[in-house]
Amino acid sequence: MKDRATLIADIASDLQGIRLPPARATDLAAEVSRLNDAVRAATGQLSFDDDPAAYAALLAKASSS
């Protein structure tokens, strides 16, 4: 599997027509990884029937910790 920065650069190019410099692709890969970790951590704290705003609030709280 491709490394995450290469994957991000390929997605930006293929889907958006944007050429990312390698340093920016690396930065975005780190941001996506942090967001993915926060989302995965939050999934066990809410149920499907919870208000969507509660999910956003939980993610905002997690990102400020």
Foldseek 3Di string as FASTA:
>chain_A
DDDQLVVQQVCCCPPPVDHDDSVVSVVVSVVVVVLVVLLVVCPVVDDPPDDVVVSVVSSVVVVVD
